[in-house]
Amino acid sequence: TAATDFVNALGLSTTGIHGGQSSFATLGTLDQQLTDSS
């Protein structure tokens, strides 16, 4: 919930901010490449 609210507040856009997400446990994963899509 907190991460989703944070992403929504960033205002991702084609010409502005992009975001991506990795996570980690025993292994790490790239869950979302850099994108302009919230």
PDB file of all heavy atoms in Angstrom:
ATOM      1  N   THR A   1       0.834  -1.209   0.000  1.00  0.00           N
ATOM      2  CA  THR A   1       0.000   0.000   0.000  1.00  0.00           C
ATOM      3  C   THR A   1       0.864   1.253   0.000  1.00  0.00           C
ATOM      4  O   THR A   1       0.640   2.186  -0.781  1.00  0.00           O
ATOM      5  CB  THR A   1      -0.947   0.004   1.212  1.00  0.00           C
ATOM      6  OG1 THR A   1      -1.814  -1.134   1.122  1.00  0.00           O
ATOM      7  CG2 THR A   1      -1.778   1.278   1.273  1.00  0.00           C
ATOM      8  N   ALA A   2       1.869   1.283   0.866  1.00  0.00           N
ATOM      9  CA  ALA A   2       2.757   2.453   0.951  1.00  0.00           C
ATOM     10  C   ALA A   2       3.527   2.639  -0.353  1.00  0.00           C
ATOM     11  O   ALA A   2       3.664   3.766  -0.845  1.00  0.00           O
ATOM     12  CB  ALA A   2       3.718   2.293   2.124  1.00  0.00           C
ATOM     13  N   ALA A   3       4.041   1.547  -0.922  1.00  0.00           N
ATOM     14  CA  ALA A   3       4.804   1.643  -2.170  1.00  0.00           C
ATOM     15  C   ALA A   3       3.919   2.096  -3.319  1.00  0.00           C
ATOM     16  O   ALA A   3       4.335   2.926  -4.143  1.00  0.00           O
ATOM     17  CB  ALA A   3       5.457   0.294  -2.483  1.00  0.00           C
ATOM     18  N   THR A   4       2.705   1.601  -3.391  1.00  0.00           N
ATOM     19  CA  THR A   4       1.767   2.009  -4.448  1.00  0.00           C
ATOM     20  C   THR A   4       1.427   3.488  -4.328  1.00  0.00           C
ATOM     21  O   THR A   4       1.422   4.219  -5.324  1.00  0.00           O
ATOM     22  CB  THR A   4       0.496   1.145  -4.392  1.00  0.00           C
ATOM     23  OG1 THR A   4       0.867  -0.220  -4.629  1.00  0.00           O
ATOM     24  CG2 THR A   4      -0.522   1.571  -5.422  1.00  0.00           C
ATOM     25  N   ASP A   5       1.144   3.948  -3.118  1.00  0.00           N
ATOM     26  CA  ASP A   5       0.859   5.372  -2.913  1.00  0.00           C
ATOM     27  C   ASP A   5       2.056   6.232  -3.314  1.00  0.00           C
ATOM     28  O   ASP A   5       1.893   7.308  -3.900  1.00  0.00           O
ATOM     29  CB  ASP A   5       0.478   5.642  -1.458  1.00  0.00           C
ATOM     30  CG  ASP A   5      -0.905   5.131  -1.107  1.00  0.00           C
ATOM     31  OD1 ASP A   5      -1.653   4.702  -2.003  1.00  0.00           O
ATOM     32  OD2 ASP A   5      -1.237   5.146   0.104  1.00  0.00           O
ATOM     33  N   PHE A   6       3.255   5.762  -2.992  1.00  0.00           N
ATOM     34  CA  PHE A   6       4.471   6.485  -3.356  1.00  0.00           C
ATOM     35  C   PHE A   6       4.604   6.589  -4.874  1.00  0.00           C
ATOM     36  O   PHE A   6       4.864   7.662  -5.414  1.00  0.00           O
ATOM     37  CB  PHE A   6       5.693   5.795  -2.748  1.00  0.00           C
ATOM     38  CG  PHE A   6       6.994   6.481  -3.044  1.00  0.00           C
ATOM     39  CD1 PHE A   6       7.342   7.655  -2.393  1.00  0.00           C
ATOM     40  CD2 PHE A   6       7.876   5.960  -3.983  1.00  0.00           C
ATOM     41  CE1 PHE A   6       8.544   8.302  -2.667  1.00  0.00           C
ATOM     42  CE2 PHE A   6       9.075   6.594  -4.259  1.00  0.00           C
ATOM     43  CZ  PHE A   6       9.414   7.769  -3.600  1.00  0.00           C
ATOM     44  N   VAL A   7       4.408   5.481  -5.566  1.00  0.00           N
ATOM     45  CA  VAL A   7       4.489   5.477  -7.031  1.00  0.00           C
ATOM     46  C   VAL A   7       3.464   6.446  -7.612  1.00  0.00           C
ATOM     47  O   VAL A   7       3.775   7.230  -8.520  1.00  0.00           O
ATOM     48  CB  VAL A   7       4.283   4.051  -7.592  1.00  0.00           C
ATOM     49  CG1 VAL A   7       4.038   4.066  -9.097  1.00  0.00           C
ATOM     50  CG2 VAL A   7       5.485   3.182  -7.256  1.00  0.00           C
ATOM     51  N   ASN A   8       2.248   6.410  -7.099  1.00  0.00           N
ATOM     52  CA  ASN A   8       1.211   7.303  -7.613  1.00  0.00           C
ATOM     53  C   ASN A   8       1.560   8.775  -7.391  1.00  0.00           C
ATOM     54  O   ASN A   8       1.273   9.625  -8.235  1.00  0.00           O
ATOM     55  CB  ASN A   8      -0.138   6.961  -6.988  1.00  0.00           C
ATOM     56  CG  ASN A   8      -0.653   5.611  -7.442  1.00  0.00           C
ATOM     57  OD1 ASN A   8      -0.262   5.096  -8.491  1.00  0.00           O
ATOM     58  ND2 ASN A   8      -1.522   5.021  -6.651  1.00  0.00           N
ATOM     59  N   ALA A   9       2.208   9.067  -6.276  1.00  0.00           N
ATOM     60  CA  ALA A   9       2.603  10.450  -5.979  1.00  0.00           C
ATOM     61  C   ALA A   9       3.750  10.937  -6.865  1.00  0.00           C
ATOM     62  O   ALA A   9       3.908  12.143  -7.079  1.00  0.00           O
ATOM     63  CB  ALA A   9       2.995  10.577  -4.504  1.00  0.00           C
ATOM     64  N   LEU A  10       4.538  10.013  -7.407  1.00  0.00           N
ATOM     65  CA  LEU A  10       5.664  10.407  -8.258  1.00  0.00           C
ATOM     66  C   LEU A  10       5.223  11.070  -9.551  1.00  0.00           C
ATOM     67  O   LEU A  10       5.946  11.901 -10.092  1.00  0.00           O
ATOM     68  CB  LEU A  10       6.535   9.193  -8.593  1.00  0.00           C
ATOM     69  CG  LEU A  10       7.397   8.632  -7.484  1.00  0.00           C
ATOM     70  CD1 LEU A  10       8.104   7.366  -7.961  1.00  0.00           C
ATOM     71  CD2 LEU A  10       8.409   9.654  -7.000  1.00  0.00           C
ATOM     72  N   GLY A  11       4.071  10.689 -10.057  1.00  0.00           N
ATOM     73  CA  GLY A  11       3.606  11.265 -11.313  1.00  0.00           C
ATOM     74  C   GLY A  11       4.464  10.840 -12.498  1.00  0.00           C
ATOM     75  O   GLY A  11       4.962  11.688 -13.247  1.00  0.00           O
ATOM     76  N   LEU A  12       4.654   9.544 -12.665  1.00  0.00           N
ATOM     77  CA  LEU A  12       5.459   9.046 -13.778  1.00  0.00           C
ATOM     78  C   LEU A  12       4.897   9.547 -15.102  1.00  0.00           C
ATOM     79  O   LEU A  12       3.686   9.644 -15.268  1.00  0.00           O
ATOM     80  CB  LEU A  12       5.484   7.509 -13.774  1.00  0.00           C
ATOM     81  CG  LEU A  12       5.991   6.817 -12.509  1.00  0.00           C
ATOM     82  CD1 LEU A  12       5.998   5.311 -12.705  1.00  0.00           C
ATOM     83  CD2 LEU A  12       7.349   7.313 -12.114  1.00  0.00           C
ATOM     84  N   SER A  13       5.804   9.873 -16.032  1.00  0.00           N
ATOM     85  CA  SER A  13       5.357  10.355 -17.346  1.00  0.00           C
ATOM     86  C   SER A  13       6.435  10.081 -18.387  1.00  0.00           C
ATOM     87  O   SER A  13       7.597   9.864 -18.056  1.00  0.00           O
ATOM     88  CB  SER A  13       5.055  11.849 -17.297  1.00  0.00           C
ATOM     89  OG  SER A  13       6.240  12.596 -17.123  1.00  0.00           O
ATOM     90  N   THR A  14       6.022  10.128 -19.643  1.00  0.00           N
ATOM     91  CA  THR A  14       6.934   9.847 -20.751  1.00  0.00           C
ATOM     92  C   THR A  14       8.139  10.773 -20.746  1.00  0.00           C
ATOM     93  O   THR A  14       9.273  10.340 -20.940  1.00  0.00           O
ATOM     94  CB  THR A  14       6.196   9.965 -22.092  1.00  0.00           C
ATOM     95  OG1 THR A  14       5.063   9.097 -22.049  1.00  0.00           O
ATOM     96  CG2 THR A  14       7.085   9.591 -23.251  1.00  0.00           C
ATOM     97  N   THR A  15       7.915  12.053 -20.500  1.00  0.00           N
ATOM     98  CA  THR A  15       9.009  13.025 -20.550  1.00  0.00           C
ATOM     99  C   THR A  15       9.525  13.408 -19.166  1.00  0.00           C
ATOM    100  O   THR A  15      10.447  14.202 -19.063  1.00  0.00           O
ATOM    101  CB  THR A  15       8.563  14.305 -21.285  1.00  0.00           C
ATOM    102  OG1 THR A  15       7.433  14.851 -20.587  1.00  0.00           O
ATOM    103  CG2 THR A  15       8.198  13.999 -22.730  1.00  0.00           C
ATOM    104  N   GLY A  16       8.935  12.845 -18.130  1.00  0.00           N
ATOM    105  CA  GLY A  16       9.337  13.194 -16.768  1.00  0.00           C
ATOM    106  C   GLY A  16       9.946  12.020 -16.037  1.00  0.00           C
ATOM    107  O   GLY A  16      10.815  11.316 -16.551  1.00  0.00           O
ATOM    108  N   ILE A  17       9.454  11.805 -14.846  1.00  0.00           N
ATOM    109  CA  ILE A  17       9.984  10.782 -13.959  1.00  0.00           C
ATOM    110  C   ILE A  17       9.638   9.389 -14.465  1.00  0.00           C
ATOM    111  O   ILE A  17       8.515   9.130 -14.890  1.00  0.00           O
ATOM    112  CB  ILE A  17       9.418  10.975 -12.535  1.00  0.00           C
ATOM    113  CG1 ILE A  17       9.877  12.316 -11.965  1.00  0.00           C
ATOM    114  CG2 ILE A  17       9.817   9.834 -11.620  1.00  0.00           C
ATOM    115  CD1 ILE A  17       9.193  12.704 -10.676  1.00  0.00           C
ATOM    116  N   HIS A  18      10.619   8.493 -14.397  1.00  0.00           N
ATOM    117  CA  HIS A  18      10.413   7.069 -14.645  1.00  0.00           C
ATOM    118  C   HIS A  18      10.720   6.333 -13.348  1.00  0.00           C
ATOM    119  O   HIS A  18      11.473   6.817 -12.508  1.00  0.00           O
ATOM    120  CB  HIS A  18      11.339   6.563 -15.755  1.00  0.00           C
ATOM    121  CG  HIS A  18      10.960   7.041 -17.105  1.00  0.00           C
ATOM    122  ND1 HIS A  18      11.830   7.688 -17.943  1.00  0.00           N
ATOM    123  CD2 HIS A  18       9.791   6.975 -17.772  1.00  0.00           C
ATOM    124  CE1 HIS A  18      11.219   7.991 -19.067  1.00  0.00           C
ATOM    125  NE2 HIS A  18       9.974   7.582 -18.989  1.00  0.00           N
ATOM    126  N   GLY A  19      10.139   5.168 -13.187  1.00  0.00           N
ATOM    127  CA  GLY A  19      10.392   4.366 -12.000  1.00  0.00           C
ATOM    128  C   GLY A  19      10.522   2.904 -12.366  1.00  0.00           C
ATOM    129  O   GLY A  19      10.000   2.457 -13.392  1.00  0.00           O
ATOM    130  N   GLY A  20      11.215   2.174 -11.544  1.00  0.00           N
ATOM    131  CA  GLY A  20      11.356   0.731 -11.697  1.00  0.00           C
ATOM    132  C   GLY A  20      11.362   0.124 -10.320  1.00  0.00           C
ATOM    133  O   GLY A  20      11.357   0.840  -9.310  1.00  0.00           O
ATOM    134  N   GLN A  21      11.359  -1.200 -10.257  1.00  0.00           N
ATOM    135  CA  GLN A  21      11.325  -1.820  -8.951  1.00  0.00           C
ATOM    136  C   GLN A  21      12.057  -3.148  -8.949  1.00  0.00           C
ATOM    137  O   GLN A  21      11.815  -4.006  -9.790  1.00  0.00           O
ATOM    138  CB  GLN A  21       9.883  -2.029  -8.516  1.00  0.00           C
ATOM    139  CG  GLN A  21       9.748  -2.397  -7.064  1.00  0.00           C
ATOM    140  CD  GLN A  21       9.005  -3.691  -6.888  1.00  0.00           C
ATOM    141  OE1 GLN A  21       8.012  -3.932  -7.527  1.00  0.00           O
ATOM    142  NE2 GLN A  21       9.514  -4.529  -6.034  1.00  0.00           N
ATOM    143  N   SER A  22      12.975  -3.277  -7.991  1.00  0.00           N
ATOM    144  CA  SER A  22      13.585  -4.570  -7.716  1.00  0.00           C
ATOM    145  C   SER A  22      13.190  -4.935  -6.293  1.00  0.00           C
ATOM    146  O   SER A  22      12.784  -4.088  -5.499  1.00  0.00           O
ATOM    147  CB  SER A  22      15.109  -4.527  -7.882  1.00  0.00           C
ATOM    148  OG  SER A  22      15.705  -3.706  -6.914  1.00  0.00           O
ATOM    149  N   SER A  23      13.300  -6.220  -6.007  1.00  0.00           N
ATOM    150  CA  SER A  23      13.009  -6.686  -4.654  1.00  0.00           C
ATOM    151  C   SER A  23      14.020  -7.777  -4.312  1.00  0.00           C
ATOM    152  O   SER A  23      14.743  -8.269  -5.183  1.00  0.00           O
ATOM    153  CB  SER A  23      11.576  -7.217  -4.558  1.00  0.00           C
ATOM    154  OG  SER A  23      11.383  -8.325  -5.403  1.00  0.00           O
ATOM    155  N   PHE A  24      14.057  -8.112  -3.038  1.00  0.00           N
ATOM    156  CA  PHE A  24      15.043  -9.104  -2.633  1.00  0.00           C
ATOM    157  C   PHE A  24      14.519  -9.948  -1.486  1.00  0.00           C
ATOM    158  O   PHE A  24      13.779  -9.488  -0.633  1.00  0.00           O
ATOM    159  CB  PHE A  24      16.376  -8.456  -2.256  1.00  0.00           C
ATOM    160  CG  PHE A  24      16.288  -7.439  -1.147  1.00  0.00           C
ATOM    161  CD1 PHE A  24      16.552  -7.807   0.170  1.00  0.00           C
ATOM    162  CD2 PHE A  24      15.947  -6.125  -1.409  1.00  0.00           C
ATOM    163  CE1 PHE A  24      16.478  -6.867   1.197  1.00  0.00           C
ATOM    164  CE2 PHE A  24      15.870  -5.186  -0.391  1.00  0.00           C
ATOM    165  CZ  PHE A  24      16.137  -5.558   0.912  1.00  0.00           C
ATOM    166  N   ALA A  25      14.885 -11.201  -1.541  1.00  0.00           N
ATOM    167  CA  ALA A  25      14.719 -12.180  -0.472  1.00  0.00           C
ATOM    168  C   ALA A  25      15.985 -13.034  -0.563  1.00  0.00           C
ATOM    169  O   ALA A  25      17.073 -12.471  -0.571  1.00  0.00           O
ATOM    170  CB  ALA A  25      13.437 -12.978  -0.642  1.00  0.00           C
ATOM    171  N   THR A  26      15.868 -14.346  -0.712  1.00  0.00           N
ATOM    172  CA  THR A  26      17.065 -15.166  -0.898  1.00  0.00           C
ATOM    173  C   THR A  26      17.762 -14.768  -2.194  1.00  0.00           C
ATOM    174  O   THR A  26      18.985 -14.717  -2.271  1.00  0.00           O
ATOM    175  CB  THR A  26      16.700 -16.658  -0.921  1.00  0.00           C
ATOM    176  OG1 THR A  26      16.025 -16.966   0.310  1.00  0.00           O
ATOM    177  CG2 THR A  26      17.938 -17.528  -1.055  1.00  0.00           C
ATOM    178  N   LEU A  27      16.970 -14.458  -3.201  1.00  0.00           N
ATOM    179  CA  LEU A  27      17.462 -13.949  -4.478  1.00  0.00           C
ATOM    180  C   LEU A  27      16.843 -12.588  -4.729  1.00  0.00           C
ATOM    181  O   LEU A  27      15.812 -12.245  -4.149  1.00  0.00           O
ATOM    182  CB  LEU A  27      17.085 -14.909  -5.618  1.00  0.00           C
ATOM    183  CG  LEU A  27      17.597 -16.344  -5.493  1.00  0.00           C
ATOM    184  CD1 LEU A  27      17.006 -17.204  -6.597  1.00  0.00           C
ATOM    185  CD2 LEU A  27      19.114 -16.382  -5.522  1.00  0.00           C
ATOM    186  N   GLY A  28      17.434 -11.825  -5.597  1.00  0.00           N
ATOM    187  CA  GLY A  28      16.849 -10.562  -6.004  1.00  0.00           C
ATOM    188  C   GLY A  28      16.109 -10.747  -7.313  1.00  0.00           C
ATOM    189  O   GLY A  28      16.409 -11.660  -8.084  1.00  0.00           O
ATOM    190  N   THR A  29      15.136  -9.888  -7.558  1.00  0.00           N
ATOM    191  CA  THR A  29      14.431  -9.902  -8.840  1.00  0.00           C
ATOM    192  C   THR A  29      14.223  -8.473  -9.317  1.00  0.00           C
ATOM    193  O   THR A  29      13.991  -7.571  -8.517  1.00  0.00           O
ATOM    194  CB  THR A  29      13.057 -10.610  -8.770  1.00  0.00           C
ATOM    195  OG1 THR A  29      12.248  -9.963  -7.790  1.00  0.00           O
ATOM    196  CG2 THR A  29      13.190 -12.074  -8.417  1.00  0.00           C
ATOM    197  N   LEU A  30      14.324  -8.296 -10.624  1.00  0.00           N
ATOM    198  CA  LEU A  30      13.926  -7.035 -11.233  1.00  0.00           C
ATOM    199  C   LEU A  30      12.461  -7.210 -11.577  1.00  0.00           C
ATOM    200  O   LEU A  30      12.108  -7.879 -12.538  1.00  0.00           O
ATOM    201  CB  LEU A  30      14.764  -6.741 -12.486  1.00  0.00           C
ATOM    202  CG  LEU A  30      14.398  -5.455 -13.226  1.00  0.00           C
ATOM    203  CD1 LEU A  30      14.592  -4.232 -12.330  1.00  0.00           C
ATOM    204  CD2 LEU A  30      15.218  -5.323 -14.501  1.00  0.00           C
ATOM    205  N   ASP A  31      11.599  -6.650 -10.753  1.00  0.00           N
ATOM    206  CA  ASP A  31      10.159  -6.852 -10.890  1.00  0.00           C
ATOM    207  C   ASP A  31       9.556  -5.968 -11.976  1.00  0.00           C
ATOM    208  O   ASP A  31       8.569  -6.336 -12.592  1.00  0.00           O
ATOM    209  CB  ASP A  31       9.469  -6.582  -9.560  1.00  0.00           C
ATOM    210  CG  ASP A  31      10.024  -7.459  -8.451  1.00  0.00           C
ATOM    211  OD1 ASP A  31      10.084  -8.688  -8.643  1.00  0.00           O
ATOM    212  OD2 ASP A  31      10.409  -6.912  -7.404  1.00  0.00           O
ATOM    213  N   GLN A  32      10.151  -4.796 -12.191  1.00  0.00           N
ATOM    214  CA  GLN A  32       9.671  -3.893 -13.237  1.00  0.00           C
ATOM    215  C   GLN A  32      10.835  -3.048 -13.733  1.00  0.00           C
ATOM    216  O   GLN A  32      11.476  -2.355 -12.965  1.00  0.00           O
ATOM    217  CB  GLN A  32       8.551  -2.983 -12.716  1.00  0.00           C
ATOM    218  CG  GLN A  32       8.067  -1.951 -13.719  1.00  0.00           C
ATOM    219  CD  GLN A  32       7.518  -2.562 -14.998  1.00  0.00           C
ATOM    220  OE1 GLN A  32       6.625  -3.387 -14.947  1.00  0.00           O
ATOM    221  NE2 GLN A  32       8.063  -2.185 -16.144  1.00  0.00           N
ATOM    222  N   GLN A  33      11.092  -3.140 -15.028  1.00  0.00           N
ATOM    223  CA  GLN A  33      12.097  -2.280 -15.641  1.00  0.00           C
ATOM    224  C   GLN A  33      11.663  -0.828 -15.504  1.00  0.00           C
ATOM    225  O   GLN A  33      10.495  -0.536 -15.237  1.00  0.00           O
ATOM    226  CB  GLN A  33      12.234  -2.607 -17.135  1.00  0.00           C
ATOM    227  CG  GLN A  33      12.729  -3.983 -17.415  1.00  0.00           C
ATOM    228  CD  GLN A  33      12.739  -4.282 -18.912  1.00  0.00           C
ATOM    229  OE1 GLN A  33      11.984  -3.696 -19.685  1.00  0.00           O
ATOM    230  NE2 GLN A  33      13.590  -5.202 -19.315  1.00  0.00           N
ATOM    231  N   LEU A  34      12.595   0.088 -15.708  1.00  0.00           N
ATOM    232  CA  LEU A  34      12.237   1.503 -15.691  1.00  0.00           C
ATOM    233  C   LEU A  34      11.097   1.734 -16.673  1.00  0.00           C
ATOM    234  O   LEU A  34      11.123   1.244 -17.808  1.00  0.00           O
ATOM    235  CB  LEU A  34      13.441   2.358 -16.067  1.00  0.00           C
ATOM    236  CG  LEU A  34      14.519   2.455 -14.998  1.00  0.00           C
ATOM    237  CD1 LEU A  34      15.775   3.088 -15.562  1.00  0.00           C
ATOM    238  CD2 LEU A  34      14.026   3.230 -13.799  1.00  0.00           C
ATOM    239  N   THR A  35      10.107   2.477 -16.220  1.00  0.00           N
ATOM    240  CA  THR A  35       8.903   2.692 -17.020  1.00  0.00           C
ATOM    241  C   THR A  35       8.298   4.056 -16.702  1.00  0.00           C
ATOM    242  O   THR A  35       8.580   4.633 -15.653  1.00  0.00           O
ATOM    243  CB  THR A  35       7.858   1.583 -16.762  1.00  0.00           C
ATOM    244  OG1 THR A  35       6.714   1.791 -17.596  1.00  0.00           O
ATOM    245  CG2 THR A  35       7.413   1.556 -15.312  1.00  0.00           C
ATOM    246  N   ASP A  36       7.460   4.516 -17.585  1.00  0.00           N
ATOM    247  CA  ASP A  36       6.690   5.725 -17.322  1.00  0.00           C
ATOM    248  C   ASP A  36       5.251   5.366 -16.935  1.00  0.00           C
ATOM    249  O   ASP A  36       4.401   6.227 -16.797  1.00  0.00           O
ATOM    250  CB  ASP A  36       6.708   6.669 -18.528  1.00  0.00           C
ATOM    251  CG  ASP A  36       6.112   6.047 -19.779  1.00  0.00           C
ATOM    252  OD1 ASP A  36       5.612   4.908 -19.733  1.00  0.00           O
ATOM    253  OD2 ASP A  36       6.159   6.712 -20.831  1.00  0.00           O
ATOM    254  N   SER A  37       4.990   4.084 -16.720  1.00  0.00           N
ATOM    255  CA  SER A  37       3.647   3.588 -16.431  1.00  0.00           C
ATOM    256  C   SER A  37       3.482   3.261 -14.947  1.00  0.00           C
ATOM    257  O   SER A  37       4.025   2.263 -14.456  1.00  0.00           O
ATOM    258  CB  SER A  37       3.359   2.334 -17.265  1.00  0.00           C
ATOM    259  OG  SER A  37       2.160   1.723 -16.826  1.00  0.00           O
ATOM    260  N   SER A  38       2.695   4.085 -14.263  1.00  0.00           N
ATOM    261  CA  SER A  38       2.390   3.798 -12.857  1.00  0.00           C
ATOM    262  C   SER A  38       1.639   2.477 -12.737  1.00  0.00           C
ATOM    263  O   SER A  38       1.854   1.723 -11.787  1.00  0.00           O
ATOM    264  CB  SER A  38       1.551   4.924 -12.245  1.00  0.00           C
ATOM    265  OG  SER A  38       2.290   6.114 -12.181  1.00  0.00           O
TER     266      SER A  38
END
